[in-house]
Amino acid sequence: MSNAVNIYYKGTDGNARKFAEEMTAKGIVDAVRREEGNEKYEYYFPLNDDETVLLIDRWTSQSALDFHHKSEMMKQIAELRKKYALRMSVERFVSED
């Protein structure tokens, strides 16, 4: 069973894009991708909304996602989210095998 999470980061003054860029520059994105159970961790930028970034985050299991949520990287992500004053909305999808 696969778990996918769509996270919409919303900000002002281009902060959502700056957040994604800093996540990449600091190596956090690559570190998440190397975590056991990660299948996808990709940012997308809607054409009609310059202040939103969509993260598609997919894991092989709920336990892999839970482990990620307890990782040191989550603290770093939260700090960057706070730095850029972003709001989040989340959609979760679970595939049935």
Protein backbone atom coordinates (compact mmCIF):
# COMPACT_ATOMS: atom_id res chain seq x y z
CA MET A 1 0.00 0.00 0.00
CA SER A 2 1.37 3.42 -0.96
CA ASN A 3 0.73 6.67 0.92
CA ALA A 4 0.76 9.93 -1.02
CA VAL A 5 0.53 13.34 0.54
CA ASN A 6 -0.02 16.56 -1.39
CA ILE A 7 1.10 19.55 0.63
CA TYR A 8 0.28 23.04 -0.59
CA TYR A 9 2.65 25.65 0.86
CA LYS A 10 1.20 29.15 0.54
CA GLY A 11 2.94 32.41 1.28
CA THR A 12 3.52 35.94 0.05
CA ASP A 13 6.32 37.76 -1.78
CA GLY A 14 7.52 34.55 -3.46
CA ASN A 15 8.28 32.90 -0.11
CA ALA A 16 6.84 29.50 -1.06
CA ARG A 17 9.26 29.25 -3.99
CA LYS A 18 12.14 30.52 -1.80
CA PHE A 19 11.28 27.79 0.73
CA ALA A 20 11.46 25.06 -1.94
CA GLU A 21 14.71 26.50 -3.28
CA GLU A 22 16.32 26.56 0.18
CA MET A 23 15.07 23.04 0.92
CA THR A 24 16.88 21.93 -2.23
CA ALA A 25 20.04 24.01 -1.66
CA LYS A 26 20.46 22.72 1.91
CA GLY A 27 20.23 19.11 0.72
CA ILE A 28 17.07 18.39 2.70
CA VAL A 29 15.16 17.30 -0.41
CA ASP A 30 17.86 14.81 -1.40
CA ALA A 31 18.05 13.51 2.18
CA VAL A 32 14.30 12.87 2.27
CA ARG A 33 14.50 11.08 -1.08
CA ARG A 34 17.17 8.77 0.37
CA GLU A 35 15.02 7.80 3.36
CA GLU A 36 13.86 4.21 3.37
CA GLY A 37 10.37 3.97 1.93
CA ASN A 38 10.35 7.28 0.05
CA GLU A 39 9.02 6.90 -3.49
CA LYS A 40 8.63 10.55 -4.48
CA TYR A 41 9.41 13.99 -3.09
CA GLU A 42 8.85 16.63 -5.77
CA TYR A 43 7.88 20.30 -5.81
CA TYR A 44 5.54 21.73 -8.45
CA PHE A 45 4.63 25.35 -9.16
CA PRO A 46 1.06 26.11 -10.33
CA LEU A 47 0.96 28.31 -13.42
CA ASN A 48 -1.91 30.40 -12.10
CA ASP A 49 -0.63 30.98 -8.52
CA ASP A 50 2.82 32.45 -7.90
CA GLU A 51 2.40 32.20 -4.13
CA THR A 52 1.84 28.44 -3.86
CA VAL A 53 4.14 25.43 -4.12
CA LEU A 54 2.78 21.89 -4.28
CA LEU A 55 4.84 19.10 -2.74
CA ILE A 56 3.95 15.57 -3.79
CA ASP A 57 5.34 13.24 -1.14
CA ARG A 58 4.84 9.46 -1.55
CA TRP A 59 5.87 6.61 0.75
CA THR A 60 5.72 2.82 0.53
CA SER A 61 3.91 2.49 3.86
CA GLN A 62 2.40 4.40 6.74
CA SER A 63 5.26 3.26 8.99
CA ALA A 64 7.84 4.77 6.60
CA LEU A 65 5.90 8.04 6.60
CA ASP A 66 5.61 7.96 10.40
CA PHE A 67 9.38 7.42 10.71
CA HIS A 68 9.97 10.41 8.40
CA HIS A 69 7.68 12.59 10.52
CA LYS A 70 9.82 11.80 13.58
CA SER A 71 13.12 12.51 11.82
CA GLU A 72 15.51 15.39 12.40
CA MET A 73 14.67 16.64 8.91
CA MET A 74 11.13 17.45 10.01
CA LYS A 75 12.55 19.95 12.51
CA GLN A 76 14.56 21.58 9.73
CA ILE A 77 11.52 21.68 7.46
CA ALA A 78 9.40 23.25 10.23
CA GLU A 79 12.05 25.90 10.85
CA LEU A 80 12.16 26.83 7.17
CA ARG A 81 8.37 26.89 6.97
CA LYS A 82 8.36 29.30 9.91
CA LYS A 83 11.19 31.41 8.40
CA TYR A 84 9.13 31.94 5.24
CA ALA A 85 5.80 32.34 7.11
CA LEU A 86 4.05 29.65 5.08
CA ARG A 87 0.60 28.18 5.58
CA MET A 88 -0.06 24.56 4.68
CA SER A 89 -2.99 22.55 3.48
CA VAL A 90 -2.73 18.80 3.10
CA GLU A 91 -4.44 16.11 1.03
CA ARG A 92 -3.73 12.45 1.76
CA PHE A 93 -4.23 9.50 -0.59
CA VAL A 94 -3.81 5.80 0.22
CA SER A 95 -3.66 3.30 -2.61
CA GLU A 96 -5.36 -0.06 -2.34
CA ASP A 97 -3.38 -3.05 -3.54
